[in-house]
């Protein structure tokens, strides 16, 4: 009899706890719609469309458009190319800068020099071009004076000088995109080419990205990249010059 009363009392206490739990749960308000604009990417270059949602058919929330867009201007795409950026952040009117690109402008050489033999400093004799570049440089052990290497002191040997212009160097070999050239018995071609870098393959083995001056060796053949020419438009020049070793 005592055990039956104990069971009934526990059932009554359990019922009370269940009723209290239901009352507390019903008294809590449903959490509002959370942070609908939290994950909008403001750095996205495309314009966002207006979005809205209706909560309980009474409240409308409008998401504002971000202030996107770019300021139209010229800028350097690389060290050798410039282009014009439009308000929609796209690029147009790409131009090549033979002397390099700086602050959105192609460099222009305004300096000119007298063509001929001259002293480059105190101990170098060379031939200077109109663009002020030097070729055929020779070290003068006893110094350079009046475009001539000075003779050894206390020596009467006459130093012969050349008044003729040096002969132009032979042009470097060219490898064009889309062609296969046989070099020393190996098939060499361009795999990928961009403005300042290129990938080549020798007998089907591909190199990593190579810049001017870089080399790639495979099957005993070494190709050294000298110059990279890349014009992205149809029919544009896409080729390299190289040396072998």
C-alpha atoms as a PDB file:
ATOM      1  CA  UNK A   1       0.000   0.000   0.000  1.00  0.00           C
ATOM      2  CA  UNK A   2       2.850   2.352   0.855  1.00  0.00           C
ATOM      3  CA  UNK A   3       4.608   1.555  -2.409  1.00  0.00           C
ATOM      4  CA  UNK A   4       1.487   2.446  -4.394  1.00  0.00           C
ATOM      5  CA  UNK A   5       1.309   5.917  -2.757  1.00  0.00           C
ATOM      6  CA  UNK A   6       4.989   6.487  -3.561  1.00  0.00           C
ATOM      7  CA  UNK A   7       4.400   5.713  -7.243  1.00  0.00           C
ATOM      8  CA  UNK A   8       1.359   8.018  -7.452  1.00  0.00           C
ATOM      9  CA  UNK A   9       3.318  10.852  -5.863  1.00  0.00           C
ATOM     10  CA  UNK A  10       6.145  10.516  -8.398  1.00  0.00           C
ATOM     11  CA  UNK A  11       3.641  10.520 -11.272  1.00  0.00           C
ATOM     12  CA  UNK A  12       2.080  13.731  -9.948  1.00  0.00           C
ATOM     13  CA  UNK A  13       5.458  15.457  -9.597  1.00  0.00           C
ATOM     14  CA  UNK A  14       6.410  14.423 -13.165  1.00  0.00           C
ATOM     15  CA  UNK A  15       3.153  15.860 -14.511  1.00  0.00           C
ATOM     16  CA  UNK A  16       3.843  19.175 -12.782  1.00  0.00           C
ATOM     17  CA  UNK A  17       7.329  19.427 -14.358  1.00  0.00           C
ATOM     18  CA  UNK A  18       5.922  18.672 -17.837  1.00  0.00           C
ATOM     19  CA  UNK A  19       3.232  21.379 -17.465  1.00  0.00           C
ATOM     20  CA  UNK A  20       5.819  23.938 -16.266  1.00  0.00           C
ATOM     21  CA  UNK A  21       8.112  23.102 -19.216  1.00  0.00           C
ATOM     22  CA  UNK A  22       5.284  23.586 -21.726  1.00  0.00           C
ATOM     23  CA  UNK A  23       4.313  26.934 -20.172  1.00  0.00           C
ATOM     24  CA  UNK A  24       7.902  28.237 -20.342  1.00  0.00           C
ATOM     25  CA  UNK A  25       8.342  27.067 -23.946  1.00  0.00           C
ATOM     26  CA  UNK A  26       5.123  28.727 -25.093  1.00  0.00           C
ATOM     27  CA  UNK A  27       6.127  31.947 -23.345  1.00  0.00           C
ATOM     28  CA  UNK A  28       9.350  32.303 -25.332  1.00  0.00           C
ATOM     29  CA  UNK A  29       9.171  34.435 -28.481  1.00  0.00           C
ATOM     30  CA  UNK A  30      10.358  32.988 -31.768  1.00  0.00           C
ATOM     31  CA  UNK A  31      13.795  34.333 -32.751  1.00  0.00           C
ATOM     32  CA  UNK A  32      13.625  36.893 -35.600  1.00  0.00           C
ATOM     33  CA  UNK A  33      15.145  36.298 -39.010  1.00  0.00           C
ATOM     34  CA  UNK A  34      18.915  36.561 -38.515  1.00  0.00           C
ATOM     35  CA  UNK A  35      21.459  38.774 -40.261  1.00  0.00           C
ATOM     36  CA  UNK A  36      20.192  38.516 -43.834  1.00  0.00           C
ATOM     37  CA  UNK A  37      22.904  40.891 -45.064  1.00  0.00           C
ATOM     38  CA  UNK A  38      25.783  39.410 -43.087  1.00  0.00           C
ATOM     39  CA  UNK A  39      27.513  37.489 -45.870  1.00  0.00           C
ATOM     40  CA  UNK A  40      27.127  39.954 -48.761  1.00  0.00           C
ATOM     41  CA  UNK A  41      30.506  40.292 -50.471  1.00  0.00           C
ATOM     42  CA  UNK A  42      31.044  44.036 -50.930  1.00  0.00           C
ATOM     43  CA  UNK A  43      34.224  43.397 -52.939  1.00  0.00           C
ATOM     44  CA  UNK A  44      32.336  41.625 -55.736  1.00  0.00           C
ATOM     45  CA  UNK A  45      32.898  43.568 -58.986  1.00  0.00           C
ATOM     46  CA  UNK A  46      29.439  42.817 -60.394  1.00  0.00           C
ATOM     47  CA  UNK A  47      26.505  45.024 -59.349  1.00  0.00           C
ATOM     48  CA  UNK A  48      24.154  43.481 -56.774  1.00  0.00           C
ATOM     49  CA  UNK A  49      20.423  43.473 -57.469  1.00  0.00           C
ATOM     50  CA  UNK A  50      17.950  44.783 -54.896  1.00  0.00           C
ATOM     51  CA  UNK A  51      16.712  41.968 -52.687  1.00  0.00           C
ATOM     52  CA  UNK A  52      13.837  41.882 -50.211  1.00  0.00           C
ATOM     53  CA  UNK A  53      11.975  39.457 -48.045  1.00  0.00           C
ATOM     54  CA  UNK A  54       8.665  39.638 -46.214  1.00  0.00           C
ATOM     55  CA  UNK A  55       8.457  38.489 -42.609  1.00  0.00           C
ATOM     56  CA  UNK A  56       4.958  37.454 -41.465  1.00  0.00           C
ATOM     57  CA  UNK A  57       3.584  39.279 -44.576  1.00  0.00           C
ATOM     58  CA  UNK A  58       3.978  42.634 -42.803  1.00  0.00           C
ATOM     59  CA  UNK A  59       7.665  43.752 -42.703  1.00  0.00           C
ATOM     60  CA  UNK A  60       9.708  44.383 -45.881  1.00  0.00           C
ATOM     61  CA  UNK A  61      13.502  44.756 -45.714  1.00  0.00           C
ATOM     62  CA  UNK A  62      15.347  46.304 -48.730  1.00  0.00           C
ATOM     63  CA  UNK A  63      19.104  45.642 -49.184  1.00  0.00           C
ATOM     64  CA  UNK A  64      20.915  48.759 -50.575  1.00  0.00           C
ATOM     65  CA  UNK A  65      23.131  48.569 -53.692  1.00  0.00           C
ATOM     66  CA  UNK A  66      26.888  48.851 -52.901  1.00  0.00           C
ATOM     67  CA  UNK A  67      28.906  51.684 -54.433  1.00  0.00           C
ATOM     68  CA  UNK A  68      30.776  49.520 -56.970  1.00  0.00           C
ATOM     69  CA  UNK A  69      32.608  50.391 -60.151  1.00  0.00           C
ATOM     70  CA  UNK A  70      36.089  51.581 -61.129  1.00  0.00           C
ATOM     71  CA  UNK A  71      37.545  54.965 -61.940  1.00  0.00           C
ATOM     72  CA  UNK A  72      38.435  55.071 -65.670  1.00  0.00           C
ATOM     73  CA  UNK A  73      42.208  55.353 -66.074  1.00  0.00           C
ATOM     74  CA  UNK A  74      45.313  54.038 -67.843  1.00  0.00           C
ATOM     75  CA  UNK A  75      47.357  51.491 -65.908  1.00  0.00           C
ATOM     76  CA  UNK A  76      50.228  49.034 -66.443  1.00  0.00           C
ATOM     77  CA  UNK A  77      49.134  45.416 -66.969  1.00  0.00           C
ATOM     78  CA  UNK A  78      52.778  44.350 -66.779  1.00  0.00           C
ATOM     79  CA  UNK A  79      56.245  45.804 -67.227  1.00  0.00           C
ATOM     80  CA  UNK A  80      55.695  45.892 -71.015  1.00  0.00           C
ATOM     81  CA  UNK A  81      51.956  46.520 -71.538  1.00  0.00           C
ATOM     82  CA  UNK A  82      49.427  49.199 -70.577  1.00  0.00           C
ATOM     83  CA  UNK A  83      45.614  49.296 -70.997  1.00  0.00           C
ATOM     84  CA  UNK A  84      42.586  51.485 -70.205  1.00  0.00           C
ATOM     85  CA  UNK A  85      40.200  50.437 -67.435  1.00  0.00           C
ATOM     86  CA  UNK A  86      36.494  51.297 -67.851  1.00  0.00           C
ATOM     87  CA  UNK A  87      33.870  52.052 -65.172  1.00  0.00           C
ATOM     88  CA  UNK A  88      32.711  48.436 -65.225  1.00  0.00           C
ATOM     89  CA  UNK A  89      36.313  47.434 -64.341  1.00  0.00           C
ATOM     90  CA  UNK A  90      36.987  45.757 -67.703  1.00  0.00           C
ATOM     91  CA  UNK A  91      40.141  46.526 -69.719  1.00  0.00           C
ATOM     92  CA  UNK A  92      40.408  47.804 -73.292  1.00  0.00           C
ATOM     93  CA  UNK A  93      42.875  49.333 -75.773  1.00  0.00           C
ATOM     94  CA  UNK A  94      45.858  47.232 -74.699  1.00  0.00           C
ATOM     95  CA  UNK A  95      49.172  48.702 -75.927  1.00  0.00           C
ATOM     96  CA  UNK A  96      52.742  47.402 -75.908  1.00  0.00           C
ATOM     97  CA  UNK A  97      55.485  49.574 -74.371  1.00  0.00           C
ATOM     98  CA  UNK A  98      58.834  48.658 -76.001  1.00  0.00           C
ATOM     99  CA  UNK A  99      60.814  50.593 -73.375  1.00  0.00           C
ATOM    100  CA  UNK A 100      58.617  49.483 -70.455  1.00  0.00           C
ATOM    101  CA  UNK A 101      55.486  50.732 -68.648  1.00  0.00           C
ATOM    102  CA  UNK A 102      55.571  52.980 -65.555  1.00  0.00           C
ATOM    103  CA  UNK A 103      52.597  54.585 -63.732  1.00  0.00           C
ATOM    104  CA  UNK A 104      50.247  53.766 -66.591  1.00  0.00           C
ATOM    105  CA  UNK A 105      52.491  55.371 -69.225  1.00  0.00           C
ATOM    106  CA  UNK A 106      54.884  53.913 -71.783  1.00  0.00           C
ATOM    107  CA  UNK A 107      58.427  55.043 -71.154  1.00  0.00           C
ATOM    108  CA  UNK A 108      59.818  57.324 -73.858  1.00  0.00           C
ATOM    109  CA  UNK A 109      63.544  57.744 -74.360  1.00  0.00           C
ATOM    110  CA  UNK A 110      64.349  61.387 -75.078  1.00  0.00           C
ATOM    111  CA  UNK A 111      68.107  61.036 -74.548  1.00  0.00           C
ATOM    112  CA  UNK A 112      70.291  60.737 -77.646  1.00  0.00           C
ATOM    113  CA  UNK A 113      74.061  60.300 -77.973  1.00  0.00           C
ATOM    114  CA  UNK A 114      76.629  60.825 -80.726  1.00  0.00           C
ATOM    115  CA  UNK A 115      77.241  57.574 -82.569  1.00  0.00           C
ATOM    116  CA  UNK A 116      80.850  56.384 -82.584  1.00  0.00           C
ATOM    117  CA  UNK A 117      83.794  55.065 -80.569  1.00  0.00           C
ATOM    118  CA  UNK A 118      84.262  56.640 -77.146  1.00  0.00           C
ATOM    119  CA  UNK A 119      85.539  56.067 -73.618  1.00  0.00           C
ATOM    120  CA  UNK A 120      83.017  54.626 -71.210  1.00  0.00           C
ATOM    121  CA  UNK A 121      84.524  55.814 -67.983  1.00  0.00           C
ATOM    122  CA  UNK A 122      88.277  55.695 -67.410  1.00  0.00           C
ATOM    123  CA  UNK A 123      89.055  52.093 -68.360  1.00  0.00           C
ATOM    124  CA  UNK A 124      86.468  50.994 -70.952  1.00  0.00           C
ATOM    125  CA  UNK A 125      86.478  51.725 -74.696  1.00  0.00           C
ATOM    126  CA  UNK A 126      83.334  50.967 -76.678  1.00  0.00           C
ATOM    127  CA  UNK A 127      81.020  51.941 -79.510  1.00  0.00           C
ATOM    128  CA  UNK A 128      78.068  54.072 -78.416  1.00  0.00           C
ATOM    129  CA  UNK A 129      74.748  54.075 -80.318  1.00  0.00           C
ATOM    130  CA  UNK A 130      72.284  56.965 -80.725  1.00  0.00           C
ATOM    131  CA  UNK A 131      70.137  55.445 -77.966  1.00  0.00           C
ATOM    132  CA  UNK A 132      73.192  55.715 -75.666  1.00  0.00           C
ATOM    133  CA  UNK A 133      73.631  51.936 -75.479  1.00  0.00           C
ATOM    134  CA  UNK A 134      77.173  50.501 -75.665  1.00  0.00           C
ATOM    135  CA  UNK A 135      78.476  47.617 -77.791  1.00  0.00           C
ATOM    136  CA  UNK A 136      81.932  46.199 -78.559  1.00  0.00           C
ATOM    137  CA  UNK A 137      83.253  47.159 -75.117  1.00  0.00           C
ATOM    138  CA  UNK A 138      86.955  46.588 -74.411  1.00  0.00           C
ATOM    139  CA  UNK A 139      88.795  46.947 -71.125  1.00  0.00           C
ATOM    140  CA  UNK A 140      91.787  49.309 -71.298  1.00  0.00           C
ATOM    141  CA  UNK A 141      94.367  48.147 -68.745  1.00  0.00           C
ATOM    142  CA  UNK A 142      96.159  51.484 -68.726  1.00  0.00           C
ATOM    143  CA  UNK A 143      93.096  53.654 -69.158  1.00  0.00           C
ATOM    144  CA  UNK A 144      90.995  55.096 -71.985  1.00  0.00           C
ATOM    145  CA  UNK A 145      91.587  58.551 -73.450  1.00  0.00           C
ATOM    146  CA  UNK A 146      90.227  60.267 -76.575  1.00  0.00           C
ATOM    147  CA  UNK A 147      88.325  57.102 -77.525  1.00  0.00           C
ATOM    148  CA  UNK A 148      91.573  55.070 -77.492  1.00  0.00           C
ATOM    149  CA  UNK A 149      93.144  52.629 -75.055  1.00  0.00           C
ATOM    150  CA  UNK A 150      96.299  54.186 -73.617  1.00  0.00           C
ATOM    151  CA  UNK A 151      99.558  52.236 -74.143  1.00  0.00           C
ATOM    152  CA  UNK A 152     101.601  50.859 -71.296  1.00  0.00           C
ATOM    153  CA  UNK A 153     103.778  53.557 -69.724  1.00  0.00           C
ATOM    154  CA  UNK A 154     107.352  53.854 -71.162  1.00  0.00           C
ATOM    155  CA  UNK A 155     106.351  51.752 -74.155  1.00  0.00           C
ATOM    156  CA  UNK A 156     106.274  53.139 -77.673  1.00  0.00           C
ATOM    157  CA  UNK A 157     104.049  50.434 -79.175  1.00  0.00           C
ATOM    158  CA  UNK A 158     101.434  51.929 -81.448  1.00  0.00           C
ATOM    159  CA  UNK A 159      97.928  50.828 -80.566  1.00  0.00           C
ATOM    160  CA  UNK A 160      95.875  50.269 -83.664  1.00  0.00           C
ATOM    161  CA  UNK A 161      92.335  51.538 -83.491  1.00  0.00           C
ATOM    162  CA  UNK A 162      89.364  50.734 -85.610  1.00  0.00           C
ATOM    163  CA  UNK A 163      87.412  53.569 -87.146  1.00  0.00           C
ATOM    164  CA  UNK A 164      84.895  51.280 -88.763  1.00  0.00           C
ATOM    165  CA  UNK A 165      81.594  50.545 -87.122  1.00  0.00           C
ATOM    166  CA  UNK A 166      81.252  47.026 -85.764  1.00  0.00           C
ATOM    167  CA  UNK A 167      79.257  44.589 -87.803  1.00  0.00           C
ATOM    168  CA  UNK A 168      75.777  43.879 -86.578  1.00  0.00           C
ATOM    169  CA  UNK A 169      75.455  40.663 -84.640  1.00  0.00           C
ATOM    170  CA  UNK A 170      73.638  37.804 -86.284  1.00  0.00           C
ATOM    171  CA  UNK A 171      69.945  37.693 -85.361  1.00  0.00           C
ATOM    172  CA  UNK A 172      68.912  35.204 -82.710  1.00  0.00           C
ATOM    173  CA  UNK A 173      66.891  32.150 -83.804  1.00  0.00           C
ATOM    174  CA  UNK A 174      63.109  32.470 -83.409  1.00  0.00           C
ATOM    175  CA  UNK A 175      60.582  29.900 -82.189  1.00  0.00           C
ATOM    176  CA  UNK A 176      56.921  30.754 -82.894  1.00  0.00           C
ATOM    177  CA  UNK A 177      53.858  29.496 -81.047  1.00  0.00           C
ATOM    178  CA  UNK A 178      52.249  26.585 -82.895  1.00  0.00           C
ATOM    179  CA  UNK A 179      55.391  25.416 -84.685  1.00  0.00           C
ATOM    180  CA  UNK A 180      57.749  22.524 -83.943  1.00  0.00           C
ATOM    181  CA  UNK A 181      61.434  23.154 -84.629  1.00  0.00           C
ATOM    182  CA  UNK A 182      64.047  20.405 -84.796  1.00  0.00           C
ATOM    183  CA  UNK A 183      67.141  21.551 -82.859  1.00  0.00           C
ATOM    184  CA  UNK A 184      70.132  19.184 -82.644  1.00  0.00           C
ATOM    185  CA  UNK A 185      67.822  16.267 -83.396  1.00  0.00           C
ATOM    186  CA  UNK A 186      65.207  17.226 -80.761  1.00  0.00           C
ATOM    187  CA  UNK A 187      61.648  18.479 -81.288  1.00  0.00           C
ATOM    188  CA  UNK A 188      61.247  21.861 -79.582  1.00  0.00           C
ATOM    189  CA  UNK A 189      57.998  23.860 -79.345  1.00  0.00           C
ATOM    190  CA  UNK A 190      56.174  26.465 -77.253  1.00  0.00           C
ATOM    191  CA  UNK A 191      53.655  24.899 -74.850  1.00  0.00           C
ATOM    192  CA  UNK A 192      52.258  28.117 -73.291  1.00  0.00           C
ATOM    193  CA  UNK A 193      53.206  31.782 -73.713  1.00  0.00           C
ATOM    194  CA  UNK A 194      52.198  34.943 -71.834  1.00  0.00           C
ATOM    195  CA  UNK A 195      53.425  38.531 -71.749  1.00  0.00           C
ATOM    196  CA  UNK A 196      56.528  37.970 -69.614  1.00  0.00           C
ATOM    197  CA  UNK A 197      56.861  34.191 -69.377  1.00  0.00           C
ATOM    198  CA  UNK A 198      56.759  31.057 -71.495  1.00  0.00           C
ATOM    199  CA  UNK A 199      56.678  27.269 -71.157  1.00  0.00           C
ATOM    200  CA  UNK A 200      58.528  25.206 -73.765  1.00  0.00           C
ATOM    201  CA  UNK A 201      58.791  21.489 -74.360  1.00  0.00           C
ATOM    202  CA  UNK A 202      61.661  19.388 -75.648  1.00  0.00           C
ATOM    203  CA  UNK A 203      60.666  15.988 -77.066  1.00  0.00           C
ATOM    204  CA  UNK A 204      57.352  16.303 -75.217  1.00  0.00           C
ATOM    205  CA  UNK A 205      58.856  17.157 -71.805  1.00  0.00           C
ATOM    206  CA  UNK A 206      57.461  20.480 -70.543  1.00  0.00           C
ATOM    207  CA  UNK A 207      59.393  23.147 -68.654  1.00  0.00           C
ATOM    208  CA  UNK A 208      58.214  25.315 -65.768  1.00  0.00           C
ATOM    209  CA  UNK A 209      57.445  28.998 -66.444  1.00  0.00           C
ATOM    210  CA  UNK A 210      60.565  30.650 -67.901  1.00  0.00           C
ATOM    211  CA  UNK A 211      61.348  34.364 -68.031  1.00  0.00           C
ATOM    212  CA  UNK A 212      63.943  36.111 -70.167  1.00  0.00           C
ATOM    213  CA  UNK A 213      67.382  34.737 -69.292  1.00  0.00           C
ATOM    214  CA  UNK A 214      66.022  31.462 -67.854  1.00  0.00           C
ATOM    215  CA  UNK A 215      67.068  28.076 -69.280  1.00  0.00           C
ATOM    216  CA  UNK A 216      65.500  24.624 -69.646  1.00  0.00           C
ATOM    217  CA  UNK A 217      67.481  21.412 -70.196  1.00  0.00           C
ATOM    218  CA  UNK A 218      66.086  18.091 -71.384  1.00  0.00           C
ATOM    219  CA  UNK A 219      67.582  15.154 -73.302  1.00  0.00           C
ATOM    220  CA  UNK A 220      70.980  16.877 -73.249  1.00  0.00           C
ATOM    221  CA  UNK A 221      69.672  20.033 -74.984  1.00  0.00           C
ATOM    222  CA  UNK A 222      69.609  23.411 -73.188  1.00  0.00           C
ATOM    223  CA  UNK A 223      67.375  26.258 -74.417  1.00  0.00           C
ATOM    224  CA  UNK A 224      67.979  29.734 -72.948  1.00  0.00           C
ATOM    225  CA  UNK A 225      65.170  32.281 -73.411  1.00  0.00           C
ATOM    226  CA  UNK A 226      66.448  35.624 -74.722  1.00  0.00           C
ATOM    227  CA  UNK A 227      63.287  37.605 -75.569  1.00  0.00           C
ATOM    228  CA  UNK A 228      59.533  36.998 -75.267  1.00  0.00           C
ATOM    229  CA  UNK A 229      57.081  38.604 -77.687  1.00  0.00           C
ATOM    230  CA  UNK A 230      53.358  38.330 -76.938  1.00  0.00           C
ATOM    231  CA  UNK A 231      50.416  40.156 -78.536  1.00  0.00           C
ATOM    232  CA  UNK A 232      47.048  38.867 -77.311  1.00  0.00           C
ATOM    233  CA  UNK A 233      44.923  39.930 -80.286  1.00  0.00           C
ATOM    234  CA  UNK A 234      44.279  37.666 -83.284  1.00  0.00           C
ATOM    235  CA  UNK A 235      47.250  37.488 -85.599  1.00  0.00           C
ATOM    236  CA  UNK A 236      49.508  39.125 -83.001  1.00  0.00           C
ATOM    237  CA  UNK A 237      53.132  38.146 -82.550  1.00  0.00           C
ATOM    238  CA  UNK A 238      53.640  35.228 -80.132  1.00  0.00           C
ATOM    239  CA  UNK A 239      57.219  33.997 -80.294  1.00  0.00           C
ATOM    240  CA  UNK A 240      60.553  33.833 -78.505  1.00  0.00           C
ATOM    241  CA  UNK A 241      64.203  34.209 -79.398  1.00  0.00           C
ATOM    242  CA  UNK A 242      66.644  31.772 -77.808  1.00  0.00           C
ATOM    243  CA  UNK A 243      70.158  30.381 -77.543  1.00  0.00           C
ATOM    244  CA  UNK A 244      71.148  26.736 -77.349  1.00  0.00           C
ATOM    245  CA  UNK A 245      73.835  25.181 -75.255  1.00  0.00           C
END
